Amino acid sequence: MKNLFQSSDAVWAFPDPLLLNTVIIKEILRMQHDYHRPVIGAAFPFAKYGALCAIHYSPEMLLQETAAAVVTFSRTGALPASGSFSASSSMVSVNQNMAEYFYFSVPDPLKGMVEMISPELEN
């Protein structure tokens, strides 16, 4: 992981129960500080526990999009194109402490799409 952080501007972290466990996630978040490289998670808990931000979907948003796809299929007999979930279905959560650490501020046009969160510290 050291090489990854040294050679990257930022690190994407995806929830994978086969690869990631609590120890590895804590190490990734520690390295974020050591190498001053932001971690961007693909699930809310990443931001909650110390990544700069997480880009994720809420269950409600996924259900709405899925229901719309089912209705479309029932009317037309065609499934929506792959990757057709709209960008408005995603949420961005920014860890307030890490945003300050990285001198990151959300651009004004995006502020309505971003949720600033206070981190939860875990021993």
PDB file of N, CA and C in Angstrom:
ATOM      1  N   MET A   1       0.815  -1.188   0.000  1.00  0.00           N
ATOM      2  CA  MET A   1       0.000   0.000   0.000  1.00  0.00           C
ATOM      3  C   MET A   1       0.861   1.256   0.000  1.00  0.00           C
ATOM      4  N   LYS A   2       2.037   1.147   0.545  1.00  0.00           N
ATOM      5  CA  LYS A   2       2.936   2.308   0.602  1.00  0.00           C
ATOM      6  C   LYS A   2       3.177   2.859  -0.800  1.00  0.00           C
ATOM      7  N   ASN A   3       3.456   1.974  -1.763  1.00  0.00           N
ATOM      8  CA  ASN A   3       3.691   2.408  -3.146  1.00  0.00           C
ATOM      9  C   ASN A   3       2.460   3.075  -3.747  1.00  0.00           C
ATOM     10  N   LEU A   4       1.295   2.551  -3.426  1.00  0.00           N
ATOM     11  CA  LEU A   4       0.051   3.133  -3.919  1.00  0.00           C
ATOM     12  C   LEU A   4      -0.087   4.578  -3.442  1.00  0.00           C
ATOM     13  N   PHE A   5       0.111   4.804  -2.173  1.00  0.00           N
ATOM     14  CA  PHE A   5      -0.024   6.160  -1.627  1.00  0.00           C
ATOM     15  C   PHE A   5       1.073   7.089  -2.144  1.00  0.00           C
ATOM     16  N   GLN A   6       2.277   6.574  -2.318  1.00  0.00           N
ATOM     17  CA  GLN A   6       3.380   7.408  -2.809  1.00  0.00           C
ATOM     18  C   GLN A   6       3.166   7.835  -4.256  1.00  0.00           C
ATOM     19  N   SER A   7       2.537   6.993  -5.046  1.00  0.00           N
ATOM     20  CA  SER A   7       2.412   7.272  -6.480  1.00  0.00           C
ATOM     21  C   SER A   7       1.046   7.814  -6.888  1.00  0.00           C
ATOM     22  N   SER A   8       0.171   8.092  -5.934  1.00  0.00           N
ATOM     23  CA  SER A   8      -1.184   8.540  -6.250  1.00  0.00           C
ATOM     24  C   SER A   8      -1.466   9.922  -5.688  1.00  0.00           C
ATOM     25  N   ASP A   9      -2.372  10.623  -6.351  1.00  0.00           N
ATOM     26  CA  ASP A   9      -2.849  11.898  -5.825  1.00  0.00           C
ATOM     27  C   ASP A   9      -3.973  11.688  -4.824  1.00  0.00           C
ATOM     28  N   ALA A  10      -4.697  10.598  -4.993  1.00  0.00           N
ATOM     29  CA  ALA A  10      -5.796  10.228  -4.098  1.00  0.00           C
ATOM     30  C   ALA A  10      -5.976   8.719  -4.215  1.00  0.00           C
ATOM     31  N   VAL A  11      -6.668   8.137  -3.252  1.00  0.00           N
ATOM     32  CA  VAL A  11      -6.881   6.689  -3.243  1.00  0.00           C
ATOM     33  C   VAL A  11      -8.374   6.411  -3.142  1.00  0.00           C
ATOM     34  N   TRP A  12      -8.881   5.601  -4.076  1.00  0.00           N
ATOM     35  CA  TRP A  12     -10.265   5.141  -4.049  1.00  0.00           C
ATOM     36  C   TRP A  12     -10.329   3.885  -3.209  1.00  0.00           C
ATOM     37  N   ALA A  13     -11.293   3.782  -2.323  1.00  0.00           N
ATOM     38  CA  ALA A  13     -11.478   2.590  -1.505  1.00  0.00           C
ATOM     39  C   ALA A  13     -12.884   2.046  -1.746  1.00  0.00           C
ATOM     40  N   PHE A  14     -12.945   0.790  -2.139  1.00  0.00           N
ATOM     41  CA  PHE A  14     -14.225   0.146  -2.406  1.00  0.00           C
ATOM     42  C   PHE A  14     -14.490  -0.903  -1.338  1.00  0.00           C
ATOM     43  N   PRO A  15     -15.724  -1.007  -0.866  1.00  0.00           N
ATOM     44  CA  PRO A  15     -16.023  -2.007   0.160  1.00  0.00           C
ATOM     45  C   PRO A  15     -15.934  -3.415  -0.429  1.00  0.00           C
ATOM     46  N   ASP A  16     -15.003  -4.182   0.045  1.00  0.00           N
ATOM     47  CA  ASP A  16     -14.819  -5.553  -0.414  1.00  0.00           C
ATOM     48  C   ASP A  16     -14.539  -6.420   0.807  1.00  0.00           C
ATOM     49  N   PRO A  17     -15.523  -7.192   1.260  1.00  0.00           N
ATOM     50  CA  PRO A  17     -15.336  -7.981   2.480  1.00  0.00           C
ATOM     51  C   PRO A  17     -14.227  -9.029   2.367  1.00  0.00           C
ATOM     52  N   LEU A  18     -13.840  -9.407   1.150  1.00  0.00           N
ATOM     53  CA  LEU A  18     -12.760 -10.375   0.992  1.00  0.00           C
ATOM     54  C   LEU A  18     -11.385  -9.736   1.155  1.00  0.00           C
ATOM     55  N   LEU A  19     -11.283  -8.439   0.850  1.00  0.00           N
ATOM     56  CA  LEU A  19      -9.995  -7.755   0.929  1.00  0.00           C
ATOM     57  C   LEU A  19      -9.874  -6.811   2.112  1.00  0.00           C
ATOM     58  N   LEU A  20     -10.965  -6.168   2.461  1.00  0.00           N
ATOM     59  CA  LEU A  20     -10.903  -5.141   3.496  1.00  0.00           C
ATOM     60  C   LEU A  20     -11.489  -5.641   4.808  1.00  0.00           C
ATOM     61  N   ASN A  21     -10.727  -5.459   5.846  1.00  0.00           N
ATOM     62  CA  ASN A  21     -11.240  -5.701   7.184  1.00  0.00           C
ATOM     63  C   ASN A  21     -10.919  -4.470   8.013  1.00  0.00           C
ATOM     64  N   THR A  22     -11.302  -4.457   9.257  1.00  0.00           N
ATOM     65  CA  THR A  22     -11.112  -3.278  10.100  1.00  0.00           C
ATOM     66  C   THR A  22      -9.657  -2.858  10.175  1.00  0.00           C
ATOM     67  N   VAL A  23      -8.756  -3.816  10.284  1.00  0.00           N
ATOM     68  CA  VAL A  23      -7.328  -3.507  10.401  1.00  0.00           C
ATOM     69  C   VAL A  23      -6.818  -2.826   9.131  1.00  0.00           C
ATOM     70  N   ILE A  24      -7.184  -3.352   7.981  1.00  0.00           N
ATOM     71  CA  ILE A  24      -6.715  -2.785   6.710  1.00  0.00           C
ATOM     72  C   ILE A  24      -7.323  -1.406   6.480  1.00  0.00           C
ATOM     73  N   ILE A  25      -8.603  -1.249   6.798  1.00  0.00           N
ATOM     74  CA  ILE A  25      -9.237   0.061   6.617  1.00  0.00           C
ATOM     75  C   ILE A  25      -8.575   1.098   7.518  1.00  0.00           C
ATOM     76  N   LYS A  26      -8.311   0.737   8.768  1.00  0.00           N
ATOM     77  CA  LYS A  26      -7.630   1.670   9.674  1.00  0.00           C
ATOM     78  C   LYS A  26      -6.244   2.034   9.136  1.00  0.00           C
ATOM     79  N   GLU A  27      -5.556   1.064   8.557  1.00  0.00           N
ATOM     80  CA  GLU A  27      -4.231   1.326   7.984  1.00  0.00           C
ATOM     81  C   GLU A  27      -4.339   2.266   6.777  1.00  0.00           C
ATOM     82  N   ILE A  28      -5.320   2.051   5.938  1.00  0.00           N
ATOM     83  CA  ILE A  28      -5.532   2.936   4.786  1.00  0.00           C
ATOM     84  C   ILE A  28      -5.792   4.362   5.271  1.00  0.00           C
ATOM     85  N   LEU A  29      -6.630   4.510   6.280  1.00  0.00           N
ATOM     86  CA  LEU A  29      -6.941   5.845   6.790  1.00  0.00           C
ATOM     87  C   LEU A  29      -5.742   6.474   7.493  1.00  0.00           C
ATOM     88  N   ARG A  30      -4.912   5.667   8.135  1.00  0.00           N
ATOM     89  CA  ARG A  30      -3.683   6.189   8.745  1.00  0.00           C
ATOM     90  C   ARG A  30      -2.729   6.684   7.665  1.00  0.00           C
ATOM     91  N   MET A  31      -2.615   5.927   6.583  1.00  0.00           N
ATOM     92  CA  MET A  31      -1.711   6.305   5.495  1.00  0.00           C
ATOM     93  C   MET A  31      -2.179   7.583   4.796  1.00  0.00           C
ATOM     94  N   GLN A  32      -3.480   7.831   4.839  1.00  0.00           N
ATOM     95  CA  GLN A  32      -4.011   9.086   4.308  1.00  0.00           C
ATOM     96  C   GLN A  32      -3.304  10.266   4.986  1.00  0.00           C
ATOM     97  N   HIS A  33      -3.108  10.163   6.283  1.00  0.00           N
ATOM     98  CA  HIS A  33      -2.393  11.206   7.033  1.00  0.00           C
ATOM     99  C   HIS A  33      -0.900  11.187   6.735  1.00  0.00           C
ATOM    100  N   ASP A  34      -0.313   9.999   6.783  1.00  0.00           N
ATOM    101  CA  ASP A  34       1.146   9.877   6.600  1.00  0.00           C
ATOM    102  C   ASP A  34       1.610  10.428   5.261  1.00  0.00           C
ATOM    103  N   TYR A  35       0.842  10.158   4.205  1.00  0.00           N
ATOM    104  CA  TYR A  35       1.252  10.561   2.854  1.00  0.00           C
ATOM    105  C   TYR A  35       0.494  11.784   2.348  1.00  0.00           C
ATOM    106  N   HIS A  36      -0.373  12.303   3.165  1.00  0.00           N
ATOM    107  CA  HIS A  36      -1.185  13.470   2.807  1.00  0.00           C
ATOM    108  C   HIS A  36      -1.877  13.262   1.449  1.00  0.00           C
ATOM    109  N   ARG A  37      -2.519  12.095   1.328  1.00  0.00           N
ATOM    110  CA  ARG A  37      -3.280  11.744   0.126  1.00  0.00           C
ATOM    111  C   ARG A  37      -4.702  11.425   0.562  1.00  0.00           C
ATOM    112  N   PRO A  38      -5.692  12.087   0.005  1.00  0.00           N
ATOM    113  CA  PRO A  38      -7.070  11.828   0.434  1.00  0.00           C
ATOM    114  C   PRO A  38      -7.557  10.444   0.006  1.00  0.00           C
ATOM    115  N   VAL A  39      -8.357   9.860   0.878  1.00  0.00           N
ATOM    116  CA  VAL A  39      -9.038   8.607   0.561  1.00  0.00           C
ATOM    117  C   VAL A  39     -10.483   8.950   0.233  1.00  0.00           C
ATOM    118  N   ILE A  40     -10.955   8.412  -0.877  1.00  0.00           N
ATOM    119  CA  ILE A  40     -12.331   8.583  -1.323  1.00  0.00           C
ATOM    120  C   ILE A  40     -12.981   7.209  -1.288  1.00  0.00           C
ATOM    121  N   GLY A  41     -14.013   7.076  -0.495  1.00  0.00           N
ATOM    122  CA  GLY A  41     -14.660   5.780  -0.335  1.00  0.00           C
ATOM    123  C   GLY A  41     -15.900   5.644  -1.187  1.00  0.00           C
ATOM    124  N   ALA A  42     -16.237   4.389  -1.480  1.00  0.00           N
ATOM    125  CA  ALA A  42     -17.434   4.104  -2.271  1.00  0.00           C
ATOM    126  C   ALA A  42     -18.563   3.589  -1.376  1.00  0.00           C
ATOM    127  N   ALA A  43     -18.502   3.974  -0.111  1.00  0.00           N
ATOM    128  CA  ALA A  43     -19.552   3.634   0.851  1.00  0.00           C
ATOM    129  C   ALA A  43     -19.490   4.651   1.984  1.00  0.00           C
ATOM    130  N   PHE A  44     -20.642   4.991   2.534  1.00  0.00           N
ATOM    131  CA  PHE A  44     -20.721   6.016   3.569  1.00  0.00           C
ATOM    132  C   PHE A  44     -19.760   5.788   4.747  1.00  0.00           C
ATOM    133  N   PRO A  45     -19.606   4.561   5.260  1.00  0.00           N
ATOM    134  CA  PRO A  45     -18.727   4.382   6.429  1.00  0.00           C
ATOM    135  C   PRO A  45     -17.285   4.856   6.223  1.00  0.00           C
ATOM    136  N   PHE A  46     -16.810   4.878   4.997  1.00  0.00           N
ATOM    137  CA  PHE A  46     -15.450   5.374   4.780  1.00  0.00           C
ATOM    138  C   PHE A  46     -15.330   6.816   5.278  1.00  0.00           C
ATOM    139  N   ALA A  47     -16.258   7.668   4.891  1.00  0.00           N
ATOM    140  CA  ALA A  47     -16.213   9.067   5.343  1.00  0.00           C
ATOM    141  C   ALA A  47     -16.519   9.163   6.828  1.00  0.00           C
ATOM    142  N   LYS A  48     -17.421   8.356   7.272  1.00  0.00           N
ATOM    143  CA  LYS A  48     -17.811   8.373   8.683  1.00  0.00           C
ATOM    144  C   LYS A  48     -16.623   8.085   9.602  1.00  0.00           C
ATOM    145  N   TYR A  49     -15.728   7.204   9.159  1.00  0.00           N
ATOM    146  CA  TYR A  49     -14.607   6.803  10.009  1.00  0.00           C
ATOM    147  C   TYR A  49     -13.274   7.425   9.620  1.00  0.00           C
ATOM    148  N   GLY A  50     -13.267   8.389   8.673  1.00  0.00           N
ATOM    149  CA  GLY A  50     -12.030   9.121   8.477  1.00  0.00           C
ATOM    150  C   GLY A  50     -11.564   9.390   7.068  1.00  0.00           C
ATOM    151  N   ALA A  51     -12.209   8.858   6.045  1.00  0.00           N
ATOM    152  CA  ALA A  51     -11.821   9.210   4.675  1.00  0.00           C
ATOM    153  C   ALA A  51     -12.278  10.643   4.406  1.00  0.00           C
ATOM    154  N   LEU A  52     -11.643  11.307   3.452  1.00  0.00           N
ATOM    155  CA  LEU A  52     -12.058  12.667   3.106  1.00  0.00           C
ATOM    156  C   LEU A  52     -13.525  12.694   2.716  1.00  0.00           C
ATOM    157  N   CYS A  53     -13.920  11.760   1.856  1.00  0.00           N
ATOM    158  CA  CYS A  53     -15.314  11.750   1.427  1.00  0.00           C
ATOM    159  C   CYS A  53     -15.716  10.362   0.957  1.00  0.00           C
ATOM    160  N   ALA A  54     -17.002  10.206   0.771  1.00  0.00           N
ATOM    161  CA  ALA A  54     -17.550   8.970   0.231  1.00  0.00           C
ATOM    162  C   ALA A  54     -18.618   9.329  -0.791  1.00  0.00           C
ATOM    163  N   ILE A  55     -18.621   8.612  -1.870  1.00  0.00           N
ATOM    164  CA  ILE A  55     -19.646   8.763  -2.898  1.00  0.00           C
ATOM    165  C   ILE A  55     -20.470   7.488  -2.823  1.00  0.00           C
ATOM    166  N   HIS A  56     -21.757   7.627  -2.561  1.00  0.00           N
ATOM    167  CA  HIS A  56     -22.563   6.446  -2.287  1.00  0.00           C
ATOM    168  C   HIS A  56     -24.014   6.687  -2.654  1.00  0.00           C
ATOM    169  N   TYR A  57     -24.784   5.621  -2.586  1.00  0.00           N
ATOM    170  CA  TYR A  57     -26.219   5.658  -2.835  1.00  0.00           C
ATOM    171  C   TYR A  57     -26.932   5.313  -1.541  1.00  0.00           C
ATOM    172  N   SER A  58     -28.047   5.951  -1.300  1.00  0.00           N
ATOM    173  CA  SER A  58     -28.856   5.557  -0.153  1.00  0.00           C
ATOM    174  C   SER A  58     -29.785   4.432  -0.618  1.00  0.00           C
ATOM    175  N   PRO A  59     -30.214   3.573   0.285  1.00  0.00           N
ATOM    176  CA  PRO A  59     -31.152   2.512  -0.114  1.00  0.00           C
ATOM    177  C   PRO A  59     -32.429   3.090  -0.734  1.00  0.00           C
ATOM    178  N   GLU A  60     -32.890   4.229  -0.199  1.00  0.00           N
ATOM    179  CA  GLU A  60     -34.114   4.838  -0.739  1.00  0.00           C
ATOM    180  C   GLU A  60     -33.922   5.247  -2.193  1.00  0.00           C
ATOM    181  N   MET A  61     -32.757   5.838  -2.502  1.00  0.00           N
ATOM    182  CA  MET A  61     -32.490   6.262  -3.875  1.00  0.00           C
ATOM    183  C   MET A  61     -32.422   5.060  -4.810  1.00  0.00           C
ATOM    184  N   LEU A  62     -31.753   4.006  -4.359  1.00  0.00           N
ATOM    185  CA  LEU A  62     -31.660   2.805  -5.197  1.00  0.00           C
ATOM    186  C   LEU A  62     -33.038   2.191  -5.419  1.00  0.00           C
ATOM    187  N   LEU A  63     -33.864   2.178  -4.382  1.00  0.00           N
ATOM    188  CA  LEU A  63     -35.211   1.628  -4.529  1.00  0.00           C
ATOM    189  C   LEU A  63     -36.051   2.446  -5.508  1.00  0.00           C
ATOM    190  N   GLN A  64     -35.940   3.773  -5.436  1.00  0.00           N
ATOM    191  CA  GLN A  64     -36.685   4.624  -6.371  1.00  0.00           C
ATOM    192  C   GLN A  64     -36.248   4.359  -7.808  1.00  0.00           C
ATOM    193  N   GLU A  65     -34.945   4.306  -8.038  1.00  0.00           N
ATOM    194  CA  GLU A  65     -34.423   4.062  -9.390  1.00  0.00           C
ATOM    195  C   GLU A  65     -34.826   2.666  -9.873  1.00  0.00           C
ATOM    196  N   THR A  66     -34.763   1.680  -8.979  1.00  0.00           N
ATOM    197  CA  THR A  66     -35.128   0.313  -9.351  1.00  0.00           C
ATOM    198  C   THR A  66     -36.616   0.223  -9.666  1.00  0.00           C
ATOM    199  N   ALA A  67     -37.432   0.870  -8.846  1.00  0.00           N
ATOM    200  CA  ALA A  67     -38.880   0.866  -9.106  1.00  0.00           C
ATOM    201  C   ALA A  67     -39.187   1.510 -10.451  1.00  0.00           C
ATOM    202  N   ALA A  68     -38.517   2.603 -10.766  1.00  0.00           N
ATOM    203  CA  ALA A  68     -38.719   3.262 -12.063  1.00  0.00           C
ATOM    204  C   ALA A  68     -38.316   2.331 -13.205  1.00  0.00           C
ATOM    205  N   ALA A  69     -37.233   1.583 -13.027  1.00  0.00           N
ATOM    206  CA  ALA A  69     -36.793   0.643 -14.064  1.00  0.00           C
ATOM    207  C   ALA A  69     -37.811  -0.473 -14.249  1.00  0.00           C
ATOM    208  N   VAL A  70     -38.395  -0.959 -13.150  1.00  0.00           N
ATOM    209  CA  VAL A  70     -39.398  -2.020 -13.228  1.00  0.00           C
ATOM    210  C   VAL A  70     -40.645  -1.513 -13.948  1.00  0.00           C
ATOM    211  N   VAL A  71     -41.074  -0.298 -13.628  1.00  0.00           N
ATOM    212  CA  VAL A  71     -42.247   0.281 -14.295  1.00  0.00           C
ATOM    213  C   VAL A  71     -41.977   0.434 -15.791  1.00  0.00           C
ATOM    214  N   THR A  72     -40.798   0.938 -16.139  1.00  0.00           N
ATOM    215  CA  THR A  72     -40.432   1.092 -17.557  1.00  0.00           C
ATOM    216  C   THR A  72     -40.455  -0.260 -18.259  1.00  0.00           C
ATOM    217  N   PHE A  73     -39.883  -1.272 -17.601  1.00  0.00           N
ATOM    218  CA  PHE A  73     -39.850  -2.611 -18.195  1.00  0.00           C
ATOM    219  C   PHE A  73     -41.271  -3.153 -18.384  1.00  0.00           C
ATOM    220  N   SER A  74     -42.131  -2.942 -17.383  1.00  0.00           N
ATOM    221  CA  SER A  74     -43.504  -3.468 -17.498  1.00  0.00           C
ATOM    222  C   SER A  74     -44.281  -2.794 -18.623  1.00  0.00           C
ATOM    223  N   ARG A  75     -43.934  -1.543 -18.923  1.00  0.00           N
ATOM    224  CA  ARG A  75     -44.641  -0.811 -19.994  1.00  0.00           C
ATOM    225  C   ARG A  75     -44.041  -1.063 -21.369  1.00  0.00           C
ATOM    226  N   THR A  76     -42.724  -1.193 -21.429  1.00  0.00           N
ATOM    227  CA  THR A  76     -42.060  -1.268 -22.731  1.00  0.00           C
ATOM    228  C   THR A  76     -41.468  -2.628 -23.046  1.00  0.00           C
ATOM    229  N   GLY A  77     -41.254  -3.447 -22.031  1.00  0.00           N
ATOM    230  CA  GLY A  77     -40.604  -4.745 -22.243  1.00  0.00           C
ATOM    231  C   GLY A  77     -39.101  -4.628 -22.413  1.00  0.00           C
ATOM    232  N   ALA A  78     -38.563  -3.427 -22.210  1.00  0.00           N
ATOM    233  CA  ALA A  78     -37.113  -3.220 -22.354  1.00  0.00           C
ATOM    234  C   ALA A  78     -36.526  -2.771 -21.019  1.00  0.00           C
ATOM    235  N   LEU A  79     -35.365  -3.317 -20.734  1.00  0.00           N
ATOM    236  CA  LEU A  79     -34.649  -2.894 -19.525  1.00  0.00           C
ATOM    237  C   LEU A  79     -33.899  -1.599 -19.807  1.00  0.00           C
ATOM    238  N   PRO A  80     -33.731  -0.760 -18.787  1.00  0.00           N
ATOM    239  CA  PRO A  80     -32.927   0.456 -18.982  1.00  0.00           C
ATOM    240  C   PRO A  80     -31.490   0.084 -19.347  1.00  0.00           C
ATOM    241  N   ALA A  81     -30.826   0.984 -20.031  1.00  0.00           N
ATOM    242  CA  ALA A  81     -29.434   0.741 -20.429  1.00  0.00           C
ATOM    243  C   ALA A  81     -28.558   0.542 -19.203  1.00  0.00           C
ATOM    244  N   SER A  82     -27.522  -0.227 -19.357  1.00  0.00           N
ATOM    245  CA  SER A  82     -26.565  -0.443 -18.275  1.00  0.00           C
ATOM    246  C   SER A  82     -25.993   0.897 -17.832  1.00  0.00           C
ATOM    247  N   GLY A  83     -25.882   1.075 -16.521  1.00  0.00           N
ATOM    248  CA  GLY A  83     -25.339   2.329 -15.997  1.00  0.00           C
ATOM    249  C   GLY A  83     -26.307   3.484 -16.087  1.00  0.00           C
ATOM    250  N   SER A  84     -27.599   3.180 -16.153  1.00  0.00           N
ATOM    251  CA  SER A  84     -28.574   4.246 -16.359  1.00  0.00           C
ATOM    252  C   SER A  84     -29.022   4.942 -15.072  1.00  0.00           C
ATOM    253  N   PHE A  85     -28.507   4.525 -13.937  1.00  0.00           N
ATOM    254  CA  PHE A  85     -28.858   5.244 -12.714  1.00  0.00           C
ATOM    255  C   PHE A  85     -28.354   6.665 -12.843  1.00  0.00           C
ATOM    256  N   SER A  86     -29.186   7.622 -12.478  1.00  0.00           N
ATOM    257  CA  SER A  86     -28.829   9.017 -12.675  1.00  0.00           C
ATOM    258  C   SER A  86     -27.829   9.499 -11.632  1.00  0.00           C
ATOM    259  N   ALA A  87     -27.067  10.498 -12.010  1.00  0.00           N
ATOM    260  CA  ALA A  87     -26.085  11.080 -11.098  1.00  0.00           C
ATOM    261  C   ALA A  87     -26.763  11.668  -9.873  1.00  0.00           C
ATOM    262  N   SER A  88     -28.007  12.093 -10.028  1.00  0.00           N
ATOM    263  CA  SER A  88     -28.706  12.673  -8.884  1.00  0.00           C
ATOM    264  C   SER A  88     -29.045  11.618  -7.836  1.00  0.00           C
ATOM    265  N   SER A  89     -28.874  10.350  -8.164  1.00  0.00           N
ATOM    266  CA  SER A  89     -29.135   9.283  -7.202  1.00  0.00           C
ATOM    267  C   SER A  89     -27.980   9.108  -6.230  1.00  0.00           C
ATOM    268  N   SER A  90     -26.831   9.643  -6.571  1.00  0.00           N
ATOM    269  CA  SER A  90     -25.681   9.455  -5.693  1.00  0.00           C
ATOM    270  C   SER A  90     -25.607  10.580  -4.672  1.00  0.00           C
ATOM    271  N   MET A  91     -24.933  10.276  -3.585  1.00  0.00           N
ATOM    272  CA  MET A  91     -24.724  11.256  -2.530  1.00  0.00           C
ATOM    273  C   MET A  91     -23.229  11.360  -2.268  1.00  0.00           C
ATOM    274  N   VAL A  92     -22.803  12.514  -1.847  1.00  0.00           N
ATOM    275  CA  VAL A  92     -21.411  12.707  -1.467  1.00  0.00           C
ATOM    276  C   VAL A  92     -21.408  13.164  -0.014  1.00  0.00           C
ATOM    277  N   SER A  93     -20.715  12.409   0.823  1.00  0.00           N
ATOM    278  CA  SER A  93     -20.558  12.776   2.221  1.00  0.00           C
ATOM    279  C   SER A  93     -19.111  13.170   2.428  1.00  0.00           C
ATOM    280  N   VAL A  94     -18.891  14.336   3.012  1.00  0.00           N
ATOM    281  CA  VAL A  94     -17.540  14.844   3.241  1.00  0.00           C
ATOM    282  C   VAL A  94     -17.295  14.893   4.738  1.00  0.00           C
ATOM    283  N   ASN A  95     -16.200  14.293   5.161  1.00  0.00           N
ATOM    284  CA  ASN A  95     -15.784  14.300   6.555  1.00  0.00           C
ATOM    285  C   ASN A  95     -15.241  15.693   6.866  1.00  0.00           C
ATOM    286  N   GLN A  96     -15.904  16.399   7.764  1.00  0.00           N
ATOM    287  CA  GLN A  96     -15.560  17.783   8.063  1.00  0.00           C
ATOM    288  C   GLN A  96     -14.111  17.934   8.551  1.00  0.00           C
ATOM    289  N   ASN A  97     -13.665  17.050   9.423  1.00  0.00           N
ATOM    290  CA  ASN A  97     -12.292  17.134   9.930  1.00  0.00           C
ATOM    291  C   ASN A  97     -11.267  16.936   8.821  1.00  0.00           C
ATOM    292  N   MET A  98     -11.530  15.978   7.940  1.00  0.00           N
ATOM    293  CA  MET A  98     -10.577  15.718   6.864  1.00  0.00           C
ATOM    294  C   MET A  98     -10.619  16.835   5.828  1.00  0.00           C
ATOM    295  N   ALA A  99     -11.773  17.429   5.619  1.00  0.00           N
ATOM    296  CA  ALA A  99     -11.862  18.561   4.698  1.00  0.00           C
ATOM    297  C   ALA A  99     -10.979  19.702   5.201  1.00  0.00           C
ATOM    298  N   GLU A 100     -10.998  19.949   6.497  1.00  0.00           N
ATOM    299  CA  GLU A 100     -10.126  20.978   7.079  1.00  0.00           C
ATOM    300  C   GLU A 100      -8.662  20.583   6.944  1.00  0.00           C
ATOM    301  N   TYR A 101      -8.354  19.311   7.190  1.00  0.00           N
ATOM    302  CA  TYR A 101      -6.979  18.806   7.092  1.00  0.00           C
ATOM    303  C   TYR A 101      -6.403  19.008   5.689  1.00  0.00           C
ATOM    304  N   PHE A 102      -7.237  18.745   4.673  1.00  0.00           N
ATOM    305  CA  PHE A 102      -6.793  18.864   3.279  1.00  0.00           C
ATOM    306  C   PHE A 102      -7.098  20.246   2.679  1.00  0.00           C
ATOM    307  N   TYR A 103      -7.574  21.178   3.485  1.00  0.00           N
ATOM    308  CA  TYR A 103      -7.950  22.513   3.000  1.00  0.00           C
ATOM    309  C   TYR A 103      -8.938  22.408   1.843  1.00  0.00           C
ATOM    310  N   PHE A 104      -9.902  21.514   2.003  1.00  0.00           N
ATOM    311  CA  PHE A 104     -10.889  21.249   0.959  1.00  0.00           C
ATOM    312  C   PHE A 104     -12.177  21.978   1.285  1.00  0.00           C
ATOM    313  N   SER A 105     -12.706  22.682   0.308  1.00  0.00           N
ATOM    314  CA  SER A 105     -14.028  23.273   0.469  1.00  0.00           C
ATOM    315  C   SER A 105     -14.875  22.889  -0.734  1.00  0.00           C
ATOM    316  N   VAL A 106     -16.137  22.678  -0.478  1.00  0.00           N
ATOM    317  CA  VAL A 106     -17.056  22.269  -1.536  1.00  0.00           C
ATOM    318  C   VAL A 106     -17.382  23.483  -2.397  1.00  0.00           C
ATOM    319  N   PRO A 107     -17.198  23.376  -3.715  1.00  0.00           N
ATOM    320  CA  PRO A 107     -17.554  24.496  -4.606  1.00  0.00           C
ATOM    321  C   PRO A 107     -19.037  24.834  -4.472  1.00  0.00           C
ATOM    322  N   ASP A 108     -19.357  26.103  -4.526  1.00  0.00           N
ATOM    323  CA  ASP A 108     -20.737  26.564  -4.351  1.00  0.00           C
ATOM    324  C   ASP A 108     -21.761  25.819  -5.201  1.00  0.00           C
ATOM    325  N   PRO A 109     -21.497  25.584  -6.502  1.00  0.00           N
ATOM    326  CA  PRO A 109     -22.525  24.892  -7.310  1.00  0.00           C
ATOM    327  C   PRO A 109     -22.824  23.464  -6.841  1.00  0.00           C
ATOM    328  N   LEU A 110     -21.924  22.871  -6.057  1.00  0.00           N
ATOM    329  CA  LEU A 110     -22.111  21.485  -5.613  1.00  0.00           C
ATOM    330  C   LEU A 110     -22.624  21.367  -4.186  1.00  0.00           C
ATOM    331  N   LYS A 111     -22.726  22.457  -3.479  1.00  0.00           N
ATOM    332  CA  LYS A 111     -23.081  22.402  -2.061  1.00  0.00           C
ATOM    333  C   LYS A 111     -24.412  21.714  -1.789  1.00  0.00           C
ATOM    334  N   GLY A 112     -25.362  21.812  -2.677  1.00  0.00           N
ATOM    335  CA  GLY A 112     -26.646  21.152  -2.478  1.00  0.00           C
ATOM    336  C   GLY A 112     -26.574  19.641  -2.610  1.00  0.00           C
ATOM    337  N   MET A 113     -25.510  19.129  -3.186  1.00  0.00           N
ATOM    338  CA  MET A 113     -25.355  17.690  -3.403  1.00  0.00           C
ATOM    339  C   MET A 113     -24.475  17.036  -2.350  1.00  0.00           C
ATOM    340  N   VAL A 114     -23.900  17.836  -1.456  1.00  0.00           N
ATOM    341  CA  VAL A 114     -22.894  17.330  -0.524  1.00  0.00           C
ATOM    342  C   VAL A 114     -23.396  17.431   0.904  1.00  0.00           C
ATOM    343  N   GLU A 115     -23.174  16.375   1.651  1.00  0.00           N
ATOM    344  CA  GLU A 115     -23.516  16.335   3.059  1.00  0.00           C
ATOM    345  C   GLU A 115     -22.213  16.394   3.862  1.00  0.00           C
ATOM    346  N   MET A 116     -22.063  17.398   4.697  1.00  0.00           N
ATOM    347  CA  MET A 116     -20.897  17.494   5.565  1.00  0.00           C
ATOM    348  C   MET A 116     -21.210  16.700   6.827  1.00  0.00           C
ATOM    349  N   ILE A 117     -20.287  15.817   7.217  1.00  0.00           N
ATOM    350  CA  ILE A 117     -20.532  14.984   8.397  1.00  0.00           C
ATOM    351  C   ILE A 117     -19.414  15.168   9.407  1.00  0.00           C
ATOM    352  N   SER A 118     -19.752  14.963  10.654  1.00  0.00           N
ATOM    353  CA  SER A 118     -18.756  14.932  11.704  1.00  0.00           C
ATOM    354  C   SER A 118     -18.327  13.473  11.860  1.00  0.00           C
ATOM    355  N   PRO A 119     -17.041  13.254  12.012  1.00  0.00           N
ATOM    356  CA  PRO A 119     -16.557  11.866  12.069  1.00  0.00           C
ATOM    357  C   PRO A 119     -16.931  11.179  13.373  1.00  0.00           C
ATOM    358  N   GLU A 120     -16.984   9.856  13.290  1.00  0.00           N
ATOM    359  CA  GLU A 120     -17.135   9.045  14.486  1.00  0.00           C
ATOM    360  C   GLU A 120     -15.799   8.404  14.749  1.00  0.00           C
ATOM    361  N   LEU A 121     -15.305   8.593  15.930  1.00  0.00           N
ATOM    362  CA  LEU A 121     -14.016   8.027  16.280  1.00  0.00           C
ATOM    363  C   LEU A 121     -14.229   6.639  16.866  1.00  0.00           C
ATOM    364  N   GLU A 122     -13.415   5.726  16.398  1.00  0.00           N
ATOM    365  CA  GLU A 122     -13.511   4.346  16.879  1.00  0.00           C
ATOM    366  C   GLU A 122     -12.143   3.934  17.364  1.00  0.00           C
ATOM    367  N   ASN A 123     -12.097   3.309  18.523  1.00  0.00           N
ATOM    368  CA  ASN A 123     -10.804   2.851  19.078  1.00  0.00           C
ATOM    369  C   ASN A 123     -10.345   1.587  18.419  1.00  0.00           C
TER     370      ASN A 123
END
